[in-house]
Structure formats: C-alpha cells, structure tokens
N, C-alpha and C. Protein backbone atom coordinates (compact mmCIF):
# COMPACT_ATOMS: atom_id res chain seq x y z
N UNK A 1 0.83 -1.19 0.00
CA UNK A 1 0.00 0.00 0.00
C UNK A 1 0.88 1.26 0.00
N UNK A 2 0.55 2.21 -0.86
CA UNK A 2 1.33 3.44 -0.93
C UNK A 2 1.04 4.31 0.28
N UNK A 3 2.03 5.13 0.62
CA UNK A 3 1.84 6.03 1.75
C UNK A 3 0.89 7.16 1.37
N UNK A 4 0.05 7.53 2.31
CA UNK A 4 -0.87 8.65 2.09
C UNK A 4 -0.09 9.95 1.96
N UNK A 5 -0.51 10.80 1.02
CA UNK A 5 0.14 12.08 0.79
C UNK A 5 -0.82 13.22 1.15
N UNK A 6 -0.27 14.41 1.32
CA UNK A 6 -1.08 15.60 1.57
C UNK A 6 -1.34 16.34 0.26
N UNK A 7 -2.55 16.81 0.11
CA UNK A 7 -2.99 17.59 -1.05
C UNK A 7 -3.51 18.90 -0.47
N UNK A 8 -2.73 19.97 -0.60
CA UNK A 8 -3.11 21.25 -0.01
C UNK A 8 -4.09 21.99 -0.92
N UNK A 9 -5.10 22.58 -0.32
CA UNK A 9 -6.05 23.42 -1.05
C UNK A 9 -5.89 24.84 -0.55
N UNK A 10 -5.82 25.77 -1.47
CA UNK A 10 -5.56 27.16 -1.08
C UNK A 10 -6.74 27.74 -0.31
N UNK A 11 -6.46 28.73 0.55
CA UNK A 11 -7.57 29.54 1.07
C UNK A 11 -8.08 30.40 -0.08
N UNK A 12 -9.20 31.08 0.11
CA UNK A 12 -9.73 31.92 -0.96
C UNK A 12 -8.88 33.17 -1.18
N UNK A 13 -8.21 33.64 -0.12
CA UNK A 13 -7.32 34.80 -0.25
C UNK A 13 -5.89 34.31 -0.42
N UNK A 14 -5.38 34.45 -1.65
CA UNK A 14 -4.02 33.96 -1.92
C UNK A 14 -3.07 35.12 -2.24
N UNK A 15 -3.50 36.35 -1.91
CA UNK A 15 -2.64 37.52 -2.11
C UNK A 15 -1.77 37.78 -0.90
N UNK A 16 -1.24 38.98 -0.82
CA UNK A 16 -0.46 39.38 0.36
C UNK A 16 0.71 38.46 0.62
N UNK A 17 0.77 37.94 1.85
CA UNK A 17 1.90 37.10 2.26
C UNK A 17 1.70 35.63 1.92
N UNK A 18 0.59 35.30 1.22
CA UNK A 18 0.33 33.87 1.01
C UNK A 18 1.42 33.15 0.23
N UNK A 19 2.02 33.74 -0.81
CA UNK A 19 3.09 33.00 -1.49
C UNK A 19 4.21 32.55 -0.54
N UNK A 20 4.59 33.42 0.38
CA UNK A 20 5.64 33.05 1.35
C UNK A 20 5.17 31.91 2.25
N UNK A 21 3.89 31.95 2.63
CA UNK A 21 3.34 30.89 3.48
C UNK A 21 3.34 29.56 2.72
N UNK A 22 2.97 29.61 1.45
CA UNK A 22 2.96 28.38 0.64
C UNK A 22 4.38 27.83 0.53
N UNK A 23 5.33 28.69 0.31
CA UNK A 23 6.72 28.25 0.19
C UNK A 23 7.19 27.56 1.48
N UNK A 24 6.84 28.14 2.62
CA UNK A 24 7.22 27.54 3.90
C UNK A 24 6.54 26.19 4.10
N UNK A 25 5.24 26.12 3.74
CA UNK A 25 4.50 24.87 3.92
C UNK A 25 5.08 23.75 3.05
N UNK A 26 5.40 24.08 1.81
CA UNK A 26 5.93 23.06 0.90
C UNK A 26 7.34 22.62 1.31
N UNK A 27 8.12 23.56 1.82
CA UNK A 27 9.45 23.20 2.31
C UNK A 27 9.33 22.27 3.51
N UNK A 28 8.38 22.58 4.40
CA UNK A 28 8.18 21.74 5.59
C UNK A 28 7.60 20.38 5.23
N UNK A 29 6.85 20.34 4.13
CA UNK A 29 6.17 19.10 3.74
C UNK A 29 6.86 18.33 2.64
N UNK A 30 8.14 18.51 2.50
CA UNK A 30 8.88 17.82 1.42
C UNK A 30 8.67 16.31 1.53
N UNK A 31 8.21 15.70 0.44
CA UNK A 31 7.94 14.27 0.43
C UNK A 31 6.57 13.90 0.96
N UNK A 32 5.90 14.85 1.58
CA UNK A 32 4.57 14.61 2.16
C UNK A 32 3.48 15.30 1.34
N UNK A 33 3.77 16.56 0.94
CA UNK A 33 2.82 17.33 0.12
C UNK A 33 3.16 17.09 -1.35
N UNK A 34 2.21 16.56 -2.11
CA UNK A 34 2.50 16.27 -3.52
C UNK A 34 1.63 17.08 -4.49
N UNK A 35 0.61 17.78 -3.97
CA UNK A 35 -0.25 18.56 -4.85
C UNK A 35 -0.78 19.77 -4.11
N UNK A 36 -1.04 20.83 -4.89
CA UNK A 36 -1.62 22.07 -4.37
C UNK A 36 -2.72 22.50 -5.33
N UNK A 37 -3.91 22.75 -4.76
CA UNK A 37 -5.04 23.18 -5.58
C UNK A 37 -5.27 24.68 -5.41
N UNK A 38 -5.26 25.38 -6.55
CA UNK A 38 -5.50 26.81 -6.60
C UNK A 38 -7.00 27.03 -6.69
N UNK A 39 -7.56 27.59 -5.62
CA UNK A 39 -9.02 27.70 -5.51
C UNK A 39 -9.40 29.11 -5.10
N UNK A 40 -9.76 29.93 -6.08
CA UNK A 40 -10.23 31.29 -5.78
C UNK A 40 -11.62 31.46 -6.38
N UNK A 41 -12.39 32.32 -5.78
CA UNK A 41 -13.77 32.55 -6.24
C UNK A 41 -13.99 34.03 -6.49
N UNK A 42 -14.84 34.32 -7.46
CA UNK A 42 -15.28 35.70 -7.67
C UNK A 42 -14.25 36.64 -8.25
N UNK A 43 -13.22 36.12 -8.92
CA UNK A 43 -12.25 36.98 -9.60
C UNK A 43 -12.26 36.63 -11.08
N UNK A 44 -11.93 37.60 -11.93
CA UNK A 44 -11.92 37.29 -13.37
C UNK A 44 -10.66 36.52 -13.74
N UNK A 45 -10.63 36.04 -14.96
CA UNK A 45 -9.55 35.14 -15.38
C UNK A 45 -8.19 35.84 -15.36
N UNK A 46 -8.15 37.15 -15.66
CA UNK A 46 -6.88 37.87 -15.65
C UNK A 46 -6.32 37.97 -14.24
N UNK A 47 -7.20 38.31 -13.29
CA UNK A 47 -6.76 38.42 -11.89
C UNK A 47 -6.36 37.05 -11.36
N UNK A 48 -7.16 36.04 -11.70
CA UNK A 48 -6.84 34.68 -11.25
C UNK A 48 -5.47 34.25 -11.76
N UNK A 49 -5.19 34.54 -13.03
CA UNK A 49 -3.91 34.16 -13.61
C UNK A 49 -2.75 34.88 -12.93
N UNK A 50 -2.97 36.17 -12.62
CA UNK A 50 -1.92 36.95 -11.95
C UNK A 50 -1.66 36.42 -10.54
N UNK A 51 -2.72 36.04 -9.83
CA UNK A 51 -2.57 35.47 -8.49
C UNK A 51 -1.90 34.10 -8.53
N UNK A 52 -2.20 33.35 -9.59
CA UNK A 52 -1.69 31.98 -9.69
C UNK A 52 -0.20 31.93 -10.00
N UNK A 53 0.27 32.90 -10.78
CA UNK A 53 1.63 32.82 -11.32
C UNK A 53 2.72 32.57 -10.27
N UNK A 54 2.80 33.39 -9.20
CA UNK A 54 3.86 33.13 -8.21
C UNK A 54 3.66 31.80 -7.48
N UNK A 55 2.42 31.42 -7.26
CA UNK A 55 2.14 30.16 -6.55
C UNK A 55 2.55 28.97 -7.41
N UNK A 56 2.29 29.07 -8.70
CA UNK A 56 2.66 28.00 -9.62
C UNK A 56 4.19 27.83 -9.65
N UNK A 57 4.90 28.95 -9.64
CA UNK A 57 6.37 28.89 -9.64
C UNK A 57 6.90 28.23 -8.36
N UNK A 58 6.27 28.55 -7.23
CA UNK A 58 6.67 27.95 -5.95
C UNK A 58 6.43 26.44 -5.97
N UNK A 59 5.28 26.04 -6.49
CA UNK A 59 4.98 24.60 -6.58
C UNK A 59 6.00 23.89 -7.47
N UNK A 60 6.33 24.51 -8.60
CA UNK A 60 7.31 23.91 -9.51
C UNK A 60 8.67 23.75 -8.83
N UNK A 61 9.06 24.76 -8.05
CA UNK A 61 10.35 24.70 -7.35
C UNK A 61 10.40 23.57 -6.33
N UNK A 62 9.24 23.21 -5.78
CA UNK A 62 9.16 22.15 -4.77
C UNK A 62 8.71 20.81 -5.37
N UNK A 63 8.56 20.76 -6.69
CA UNK A 63 8.11 19.55 -7.38
C UNK A 63 6.74 19.08 -6.87
N UNK A 64 5.84 20.06 -6.71
CA UNK A 64 4.47 19.80 -6.26
C UNK A 64 3.52 20.13 -7.40
N UNK A 65 2.58 19.24 -7.68
CA UNK A 65 1.63 19.46 -8.79
C UNK A 65 0.75 20.66 -8.50
N UNK A 66 0.57 21.52 -9.51
CA UNK A 66 -0.28 22.70 -9.39
C UNK A 66 -1.59 22.42 -10.11
N UNK A 67 -2.68 22.29 -9.33
CA UNK A 67 -3.99 21.92 -9.85
C UNK A 67 -4.94 23.11 -9.74
N UNK A 68 -5.67 23.40 -10.81
CA UNK A 68 -6.63 24.50 -10.81
C UNK A 68 -8.02 23.97 -10.48
N UNK A 69 -8.71 24.62 -9.58
CA UNK A 69 -10.06 24.21 -9.21
C UNK A 69 -11.08 24.72 -10.23
N UNK A 70 -11.95 23.84 -10.68
CA UNK A 70 -13.15 24.16 -11.47
C UNK A 70 -12.94 24.60 -12.92
N UNK A 71 -11.88 25.31 -13.24
CA UNK A 71 -11.78 25.96 -14.55
C UNK A 71 -10.77 25.30 -15.49
N UNK A 72 -11.28 24.58 -16.48
CA UNK A 72 -10.42 23.98 -17.50
C UNK A 72 -9.73 25.09 -18.29
N UNK A 73 -10.46 26.18 -18.58
CA UNK A 73 -9.90 27.29 -19.36
C UNK A 73 -8.70 27.92 -18.64
N UNK A 74 -8.82 28.13 -17.32
CA UNK A 74 -7.71 28.71 -16.57
C UNK A 74 -6.55 27.73 -16.49
N UNK A 75 -6.85 26.45 -16.29
CA UNK A 75 -5.79 25.44 -16.25
C UNK A 75 -5.01 25.42 -17.56
N UNK A 76 -5.74 25.54 -18.67
CA UNK A 76 -5.10 25.55 -19.99
C UNK A 76 -4.25 26.81 -20.16
N UNK A 77 -4.79 27.94 -19.78
CA UNK A 77 -4.08 29.22 -19.89
C UNK A 77 -2.77 29.19 -19.11
N UNK A 78 -2.81 28.61 -17.91
CA UNK A 78 -1.63 28.58 -17.03
C UNK A 78 -0.68 27.43 -17.36
N UNK A 79 -1.13 26.52 -18.25
CA UNK A 79 -0.39 25.27 -18.47
C UNK A 79 -0.17 24.56 -17.12
N UNK A 80 -1.24 24.54 -16.34
CA UNK A 80 -1.20 23.92 -15.02
C UNK A 80 -1.01 22.40 -15.15
N UNK A 81 -0.66 21.77 -14.03
CA UNK A 81 -0.46 20.32 -14.06
C UNK A 81 -1.78 19.57 -14.15
N UNK A 82 -2.88 20.27 -13.82
CA UNK A 82 -4.16 19.58 -13.89
C UNK A 82 -5.31 20.47 -13.46
N UNK A 83 -6.48 19.83 -13.39
CA UNK A 83 -7.69 20.55 -13.00
C UNK A 83 -8.53 19.65 -12.11
N UNK A 84 -9.23 20.26 -11.16
CA UNK A 84 -10.16 19.52 -10.32
C UNK A 84 -11.58 19.94 -10.67
N UNK A 85 -12.41 18.99 -11.04
CA UNK A 85 -13.76 19.26 -11.51
C UNK A 85 -14.81 18.90 -10.48
N UNK A 86 -15.73 19.85 -10.22
CA UNK A 86 -16.94 19.52 -9.48
C UNK A 86 -17.89 18.81 -10.41
N UNK A 87 -19.01 18.35 -9.89
CA UNK A 87 -19.97 17.60 -10.71
C UNK A 87 -20.58 18.47 -11.82
N UNK A 88 -20.53 19.79 -11.67
CA UNK A 88 -21.13 20.69 -12.68
C UNK A 88 -20.08 21.38 -13.55
N UNK A 89 -18.84 20.90 -13.49
CA UNK A 89 -17.76 21.60 -14.20
C UNK A 89 -17.32 20.92 -15.50
N UNK A 90 -18.15 20.03 -16.01
CA UNK A 90 -17.79 19.35 -17.26
C UNK A 90 -17.20 17.98 -17.02
N UNK A 91 -16.98 17.26 -18.10
CA UNK A 91 -16.55 15.86 -17.97
C UNK A 91 -15.02 15.74 -18.05
N UNK A 92 -14.48 14.71 -17.39
CA UNK A 92 -13.04 14.46 -17.51
C UNK A 92 -12.61 14.24 -18.96
N UNK A 93 -13.48 13.63 -19.76
CA UNK A 93 -13.14 13.40 -21.17
C UNK A 93 -12.87 14.71 -21.91
N UNK A 94 -13.80 15.68 -21.72
CA UNK A 94 -13.62 16.98 -22.37
C UNK A 94 -12.38 17.70 -21.84
N UNK A 95 -12.18 17.62 -20.53
CA UNK A 95 -11.00 18.25 -19.94
C UNK A 95 -9.72 17.64 -20.51
N UNK A 96 -9.73 16.33 -20.69
CA UNK A 96 -8.56 15.64 -21.25
C UNK A 96 -8.27 16.14 -22.67
N UNK A 97 -9.31 16.32 -23.46
CA UNK A 97 -9.12 16.83 -24.82
C UNK A 97 -8.50 18.22 -24.80
N UNK A 98 -8.94 19.04 -23.86
CA UNK A 98 -8.42 20.41 -23.77
C UNK A 98 -6.99 20.46 -23.22
N UNK A 99 -6.72 19.64 -22.22
CA UNK A 99 -5.48 19.78 -21.45
C UNK A 99 -4.39 18.78 -21.83
N UNK A 100 -4.77 17.72 -22.54
CA UNK A 100 -3.76 16.77 -22.99
C UNK A 100 -3.59 15.57 -22.07
N UNK A 101 -2.82 14.62 -22.56
CA UNK A 101 -2.67 13.33 -21.88
C UNK A 101 -2.02 13.43 -20.51
N UNK A 102 -1.11 14.39 -20.37
CA UNK A 102 -0.32 14.46 -19.14
C UNK A 102 -1.06 15.11 -17.97
N UNK A 103 -2.15 15.80 -18.26
CA UNK A 103 -2.86 16.55 -17.21
C UNK A 103 -3.43 15.62 -16.15
N UNK A 104 -3.37 16.07 -14.91
CA UNK A 104 -4.00 15.34 -13.80
C UNK A 104 -5.43 15.86 -13.65
N UNK A 105 -6.40 15.00 -13.79
CA UNK A 105 -7.79 15.42 -13.73
C UNK A 105 -8.49 14.70 -12.58
N UNK A 106 -8.99 15.50 -11.64
CA UNK A 106 -9.69 14.96 -10.49
C UNK A 106 -11.15 15.35 -10.51
N UNK A 107 -11.98 14.55 -9.85
CA UNK A 107 -13.42 14.79 -9.86
C UNK A 107 -13.99 14.64 -8.45
N UNK A 108 -14.80 15.62 -8.05
CA UNK A 108 -15.52 15.55 -6.79
C UNK A 108 -16.65 14.52 -6.90
N UNK A 109 -16.68 13.57 -5.98
CA UNK A 109 -17.70 12.51 -6.04
C UNK A 109 -18.54 12.43 -4.77
N UNK A 110 -18.37 13.39 -3.86
CA UNK A 110 -19.17 13.46 -2.62
C UNK A 110 -19.13 12.11 -1.88
N UNK A 111 -20.29 11.48 -1.69
CA UNK A 111 -20.32 10.18 -1.00
C UNK A 111 -20.82 9.09 -1.96
N UNK A 112 -20.66 9.33 -3.27
CA UNK A 112 -21.31 8.49 -4.27
C UNK A 112 -20.36 7.51 -4.96
N UNK A 113 -20.63 6.23 -4.78
CA UNK A 113 -19.88 5.20 -5.52
C UNK A 113 -20.14 5.32 -7.01
N UNK A 114 -21.38 5.62 -7.36
CA UNK A 114 -21.78 5.74 -8.76
C UNK A 114 -21.01 6.87 -9.46
N UNK A 115 -20.97 8.05 -8.82
CA UNK A 115 -20.22 9.17 -9.40
C UNK A 115 -18.75 8.82 -9.58
N UNK A 116 -18.19 8.14 -8.59
CA UNK A 116 -16.77 7.79 -8.65
C UNK A 116 -16.48 6.81 -9.78
N UNK A 117 -17.33 5.82 -9.94
CA UNK A 117 -17.13 4.85 -11.03
C UNK A 117 -17.29 5.53 -12.39
N UNK A 118 -18.26 6.43 -12.48
CA UNK A 118 -18.44 7.18 -13.73
C UNK A 118 -17.22 8.03 -14.04
N UNK A 119 -16.68 8.67 -13.01
CA UNK A 119 -15.49 9.51 -13.19
C UNK A 119 -14.31 8.66 -13.67
N UNK A 120 -14.16 7.50 -13.04
CA UNK A 120 -13.07 6.61 -13.44
C UNK A 120 -13.21 6.16 -14.89
N UNK A 121 -14.42 5.81 -15.28
CA UNK A 121 -14.66 5.38 -16.66
C UNK A 121 -14.42 6.51 -17.65
N UNK A 122 -14.64 7.75 -17.20
CA UNK A 122 -14.46 8.91 -18.09
C UNK A 122 -13.00 9.39 -18.11
N UNK A 123 -12.14 8.68 -17.40
CA UNK A 123 -10.71 8.99 -17.49
C UNK A 123 -10.13 9.85 -16.39
N UNK A 124 -10.84 9.99 -15.27
CA UNK A 124 -10.28 10.77 -14.15
C UNK A 124 -9.02 10.11 -13.61
N UNK A 125 -8.07 10.94 -13.18
CA UNK A 125 -6.84 10.43 -12.57
C UNK A 125 -6.98 10.19 -11.08
N UNK A 126 -7.96 10.86 -10.47
CA UNK A 126 -8.28 10.60 -9.07
C UNK A 126 -9.72 10.99 -8.81
N UNK A 127 -10.29 10.42 -7.76
CA UNK A 127 -11.64 10.78 -7.33
C UNK A 127 -11.55 11.30 -5.90
N UNK A 128 -12.41 12.28 -5.58
CA UNK A 128 -12.40 12.89 -4.25
C UNK A 128 -13.71 12.63 -3.54
N UNK A 129 -13.62 12.08 -2.33
CA UNK A 129 -14.80 11.82 -1.52
C UNK A 129 -14.82 12.78 -0.32
N UNK A 130 -16.00 13.29 0.02
CA UNK A 130 -16.12 14.16 1.18
C UNK A 130 -17.35 15.07 1.03
N UNK A 131 -17.67 15.83 2.08
CA UNK A 131 -16.82 16.13 3.21
C UNK A 131 -16.99 15.09 4.34
N UNK A 132 -15.85 14.60 4.83
CA UNK A 132 -15.90 13.62 5.91
C UNK A 132 -16.22 14.25 7.26
N UNK A 133 -15.83 15.50 7.44
CA UNK A 133 -16.08 16.22 8.69
C UNK A 133 -16.61 17.61 8.35
N UNK A 134 -17.22 18.31 9.31
CA UNK A 134 -17.70 19.66 9.03
C UNK A 134 -16.57 20.54 8.48
N UNK A 135 -16.88 21.29 7.43
CA UNK A 135 -15.84 22.04 6.74
C UNK A 135 -16.37 23.39 6.30
N UNK A 136 -15.52 24.41 6.39
CA UNK A 136 -15.89 25.72 5.87
C UNK A 136 -15.42 25.88 4.43
N UNK A 137 -14.53 24.99 3.97
CA UNK A 137 -13.97 25.08 2.62
C UNK A 137 -14.80 24.29 1.63
N UNK A 138 -15.16 23.08 2.03
CA UNK A 138 -15.84 22.17 1.11
C UNK A 138 -17.32 22.54 1.03
N UNK A 139 -17.76 22.96 -0.15
CA UNK A 139 -19.16 23.35 -0.33
C UNK A 139 -20.06 22.12 -0.26
N UNK A 140 -21.07 22.19 0.58
CA UNK A 140 -22.07 21.12 0.58
C UNK A 140 -23.36 21.65 1.20
N UNK A 141 -24.44 21.19 0.65
CA UNK A 141 -25.73 21.63 1.15
C UNK A 141 -26.07 20.95 2.45
N UNK A 142 -27.10 21.40 3.12
CA UNK A 142 -27.49 20.81 4.42
C UNK A 142 -27.91 19.35 4.30
N UNK A 143 -28.34 18.95 3.09
CA UNK A 143 -28.79 17.57 2.91
C UNK A 143 -27.70 16.66 2.33
N UNK A 144 -26.50 17.19 2.20
CA UNK A 144 -25.43 16.40 1.59
C UNK A 144 -25.13 15.16 2.43
N UNK A 145 -24.93 14.06 1.74
CA UNK A 145 -24.62 12.81 2.42
C UNK A 145 -23.17 12.83 2.88
N UNK A 146 -22.93 12.42 4.10
CA UNK A 146 -21.56 12.36 4.64
C UNK A 146 -21.01 10.97 4.37
N UNK A 147 -19.87 10.89 3.70
CA UNK A 147 -19.32 9.56 3.40
C UNK A 147 -18.79 8.88 4.65
N UNK A 148 -18.75 7.56 4.59
CA UNK A 148 -18.21 6.74 5.67
C UNK A 148 -16.82 6.27 5.24
N UNK A 149 -15.97 5.99 6.22
CA UNK A 149 -14.62 5.50 5.87
C UNK A 149 -14.69 4.20 5.06
N UNK A 150 -15.78 3.46 5.18
CA UNK A 150 -15.92 2.22 4.40
C UNK A 150 -15.89 2.50 2.90
N UNK A 151 -16.31 3.70 2.50
CA UNK A 151 -16.27 4.08 1.09
C UNK A 151 -14.82 4.09 0.59
N UNK A 152 -13.91 4.61 1.41
CA UNK A 152 -12.48 4.62 1.04
C UNK A 152 -11.93 3.20 0.97
N UNK A 153 -12.34 2.35 1.92
CA UNK A 153 -11.89 0.96 1.91
C UNK A 153 -12.36 0.24 0.64
N UNK A 154 -13.63 0.41 0.34
CA UNK A 154 -14.22 -0.22 -0.85
C UNK A 154 -13.48 0.22 -2.11
N UNK A 155 -13.29 1.54 -2.23
CA UNK A 155 -12.65 2.06 -3.44
C UNK A 155 -11.22 1.54 -3.57
N UNK A 156 -10.45 1.64 -2.51
CA UNK A 156 -9.03 1.30 -2.59
C UNK A 156 -8.80 -0.19 -2.81
N UNK A 157 -9.76 -1.00 -2.38
CA UNK A 157 -9.62 -2.45 -2.59
C UNK A 157 -9.96 -2.88 -4.02
N UNK A 158 -10.84 -2.12 -4.68
CA UNK A 158 -11.33 -2.54 -6.00
C UNK A 158 -10.65 -1.80 -7.15
N UNK A 159 -10.37 -0.51 -6.96
CA UNK A 159 -9.90 0.33 -8.07
C UNK A 159 -8.46 0.79 -7.87
N UNK A 160 -7.77 0.98 -8.98
CA UNK A 160 -6.38 1.45 -8.92
C UNK A 160 -6.29 2.96 -8.94
N UNK A 161 -7.35 3.63 -9.38
CA UNK A 161 -7.34 5.10 -9.42
C UNK A 161 -7.28 5.63 -7.99
N UNK A 162 -6.36 6.55 -7.70
CA UNK A 162 -6.24 7.05 -6.33
C UNK A 162 -7.50 7.77 -5.85
N UNK A 163 -7.71 7.74 -4.54
CA UNK A 163 -8.83 8.47 -3.95
C UNK A 163 -8.33 9.51 -2.96
N UNK A 164 -9.04 10.63 -2.94
CA UNK A 164 -8.72 11.75 -2.06
C UNK A 164 -9.84 11.90 -1.05
N UNK A 165 -9.48 12.03 0.22
CA UNK A 165 -10.47 12.34 1.25
C UNK A 165 -10.40 13.83 1.52
N UNK A 166 -11.56 14.47 1.64
CA UNK A 166 -11.61 15.92 1.79
C UNK A 166 -12.69 16.31 2.80
N UNK A 167 -12.50 17.48 3.41
CA UNK A 167 -13.55 18.04 4.25
C UNK A 167 -13.26 18.01 5.73
N UNK A 168 -12.79 19.13 6.27
CA UNK A 168 -12.60 19.26 7.71
C UNK A 168 -11.54 18.36 8.31
N UNK A 169 -10.57 17.95 7.50
CA UNK A 169 -9.56 16.99 7.97
C UNK A 169 -8.46 17.72 8.75
N UNK A 170 -8.14 17.17 9.91
CA UNK A 170 -7.11 17.74 10.79
C UNK A 170 -6.15 16.63 11.23
N UNK A 171 -5.02 17.00 11.83
CA UNK A 171 -4.13 15.96 12.37
C UNK A 171 -4.82 15.07 13.40
N UNK A 172 -5.83 15.61 14.09
CA UNK A 172 -6.50 14.86 15.16
C UNK A 172 -7.51 13.84 14.64
N UNK A 173 -8.05 14.07 13.43
CA UNK A 173 -9.10 13.15 12.96
C UNK A 173 -8.74 12.35 11.71
N UNK A 174 -7.51 12.52 11.22
CA UNK A 174 -7.17 11.94 9.91
C UNK A 174 -6.80 10.46 9.93
N UNK A 175 -6.46 9.92 11.10
CA UNK A 175 -5.92 8.56 11.14
C UNK A 175 -6.86 7.50 10.55
N UNK A 176 -8.18 7.53 10.87
CA UNK A 176 -9.08 6.52 10.28
C UNK A 176 -9.14 6.60 8.75
N UNK A 177 -8.97 7.78 8.19
CA UNK A 177 -9.00 7.94 6.73
C UNK A 177 -7.76 7.31 6.11
N UNK A 178 -6.62 7.49 6.77
CA UNK A 178 -5.38 6.88 6.29
C UNK A 178 -5.49 5.36 6.36
N UNK A 179 -5.99 4.87 7.49
CA UNK A 179 -6.11 3.42 7.68
C UNK A 179 -7.11 2.80 6.71
N UNK A 180 -8.10 3.59 6.27
CA UNK A 180 -9.12 3.09 5.34
C UNK A 180 -8.61 3.05 3.91
N UNK A 181 -7.46 3.68 3.65
CA UNK A 181 -6.88 3.58 2.32
C UNK A 181 -6.87 4.85 1.50
N UNK A 182 -7.13 6.01 2.11
CA UNK A 182 -7.06 7.26 1.35
C UNK A 182 -5.64 7.46 0.81
N UNK A 183 -5.54 7.72 -0.49
CA UNK A 183 -4.23 7.97 -1.09
C UNK A 183 -3.76 9.39 -0.78
N UNK A 184 -4.72 10.31 -0.69
CA UNK A 184 -4.42 11.71 -0.40
C UNK A 184 -5.40 12.24 0.63
N UNK A 185 -4.91 13.13 1.50
CA UNK A 185 -5.77 13.91 2.38
C UNK A 185 -5.75 15.34 1.86
N UNK A 186 -6.91 15.84 1.44
CA UNK A 186 -7.01 17.22 0.99
C UNK A 186 -7.31 18.11 2.19
N UNK A 187 -6.42 19.06 2.45
CA UNK A 187 -6.56 19.89 3.64
C UNK A 187 -6.39 21.37 3.28
N UNK A 188 -7.13 22.20 3.98
CA UNK A 188 -7.04 23.64 3.76
C UNK A 188 -6.98 24.37 5.10
N UNK A 189 -8.14 24.52 5.75
CA UNK A 189 -8.21 25.27 7.00
C UNK A 189 -7.25 24.78 8.07
N UNK A 190 -7.06 23.47 8.16
CA UNK A 190 -6.19 22.91 9.19
C UNK A 190 -4.75 23.40 9.05
N UNK A 191 -4.38 23.79 7.83
CA UNK A 191 -3.03 24.30 7.59
C UNK A 191 -3.00 25.83 7.61
N UNK A 192 -3.93 26.46 6.88
CA UNK A 192 -3.84 27.91 6.67
C UNK A 192 -4.46 28.74 7.78
N UNK A 193 -5.27 28.15 8.65
CA UNK A 193 -5.90 28.94 9.72
C UNK A 193 -4.99 29.15 10.93
N UNK A 194 -3.77 28.64 10.83
CA UNK A 194 -2.81 28.82 11.93
C UNK A 194 -1.40 28.84 11.37
N UNK A 195 -0.47 28.29 12.12
CA UNK A 195 0.93 28.21 11.69
C UNK A 195 1.07 27.04 10.72
N UNK A 196 1.32 27.35 9.45
CA UNK A 196 1.34 26.30 8.43
C UNK A 196 2.46 25.28 8.64
N UNK A 197 3.60 25.73 9.12
CA UNK A 197 4.72 24.80 9.33
C UNK A 197 4.40 23.83 10.46
N UNK A 198 3.85 24.35 11.56
CA UNK A 198 3.47 23.50 12.68
C UNK A 198 2.38 22.51 12.27
N UNK A 199 1.44 22.98 11.43
CA UNK A 199 0.36 22.10 10.98
C UNK A 199 0.89 20.96 10.11
N UNK A 200 1.80 21.29 9.21
CA UNK A 200 2.39 20.24 8.35
C UNK A 200 3.15 19.23 9.23
N UNK A 201 3.86 19.72 10.22
CA UNK A 201 4.60 18.83 11.12
C UNK A 201 3.64 17.92 11.89
N UNK A 202 2.49 18.46 12.29
CA UNK A 202 1.51 17.66 13.02
C UNK A 202 0.92 16.57 12.13
N UNK A 203 0.63 16.93 10.88
CA UNK A 203 0.15 15.90 9.93
C UNK A 203 1.23 14.84 9.70
N UNK A 204 2.47 15.28 9.53
CA UNK A 204 3.57 14.35 9.27
C UNK A 204 3.73 13.34 10.41
N UNK A 205 3.54 13.82 11.62
CA UNK A 205 3.69 12.96 12.79
C UNK A 205 2.68 11.82 12.76
N UNK A 206 1.43 12.15 12.38
CA UNK A 206 0.39 11.12 12.30
C UNK A 206 0.59 10.23 11.07
N UNK A 207 0.93 10.85 9.95
CA UNK A 207 0.98 10.11 8.68
C UNK A 207 2.23 9.28 8.53
N UNK A 208 3.32 9.70 9.15
CA UNK A 208 4.58 8.98 9.01
C UNK A 208 5.09 8.36 10.31
N UNK A 209 4.40 8.72 11.39
CA UNK A 209 4.71 8.08 12.68
C UNK A 209 5.92 8.65 13.37
C-alpha cells in the first residue's frame, strides 16, 4: 500500500503574504505534500492568472503538482499540471481533450460510488470523496450525504485510481482515513488557519509516525 500524501487546497485569499506561506508549507512538507489546488472565487480570469503565477512557480520549485479548481480554461491558460472538476464543471473526457494526456484530472464525487465509477470510466486520474467532517472550505448543502470511511476501503480495494479524502480533515481526525486507504488527504483550513509549518509537522507525525 502506498503512503498517504497531503494535497493542499488554497484559502480563498491567496494575495499578500500567502506566497511566502505556501513556500514555507511546501518546504516543511517535502515528500509529504504532492499537490496544491488553486481555488479562488469571484475573480476574473486575468486576476486569477496573476494570483496563480507566483504560486505556480513555488509549486514547480518544490516539485508539487499545481492543480486549478473548477476551470479547464484557466488550467489551460496557465499550463497547469491539472484541473479539479466539481460535478457541474464538465466531464473528464472533455478536460482531457483540452489539457492533454499528461494533465492530472480529479473529480468531486461526494459520497457516491456511482459518481466515482463514472469519473473513473471517463478517465479521471483521481476521485475525491467528502466532506468527511464539518468544513468551511468544502461546499455542501445541508442535505449532503456524509461519506463513511468504508467508502475509502471499498474504493481502494477494487480500483487502482487514487482516492482523495476531503472536508474538515485535521491531524486529530485523519488517522481513520489513512487506515481506510485514502491515497491523499485534501486539507485547507487545518493548515492555513494557523501556523502552516506546525500544521504540516503535526500531519507528518500522524501520517509517518
């Protein structure tokens, strides 16, 4: 079984001192953090591209994949390493045509085995399940189904496509997700709402012992 990796998701505010914070987090998480998702809302494509540029360079320097949330067009413009698609953001097949064979394409699958299998059949490189815990980052309605760790076990035993666990994950609650077979833990608030270096160290302690 492969070791679980960290997949960092940006806060919505990535200006100001955030590039320096990202650099520190990736330096602290060498070998542990393998992907970073650029997730901003309510800005136009020019502003998004300008905000992304320094962050993309930092990720490249640390050999961390730079993934754009929701927008295939922005991912293509930036020549990003990949794109993460929600259920309403188009199909992995179309994204693959736009971005090419090498692009990493992920799909949000909530708590649905059906969505995940469909994503896999459509060529997704990973599927994301969540939110496993209450989250301010992961959008979900009041009626959203909360996945069980058994979903991660089922997926990892049957399919080779990696799975990502997302939603309110912290160093204190992540161990069952790792034990269930999550290939990646997608984390945002647990890292950026405090000292990012200390947070990465706390995750490393649980994930690597």
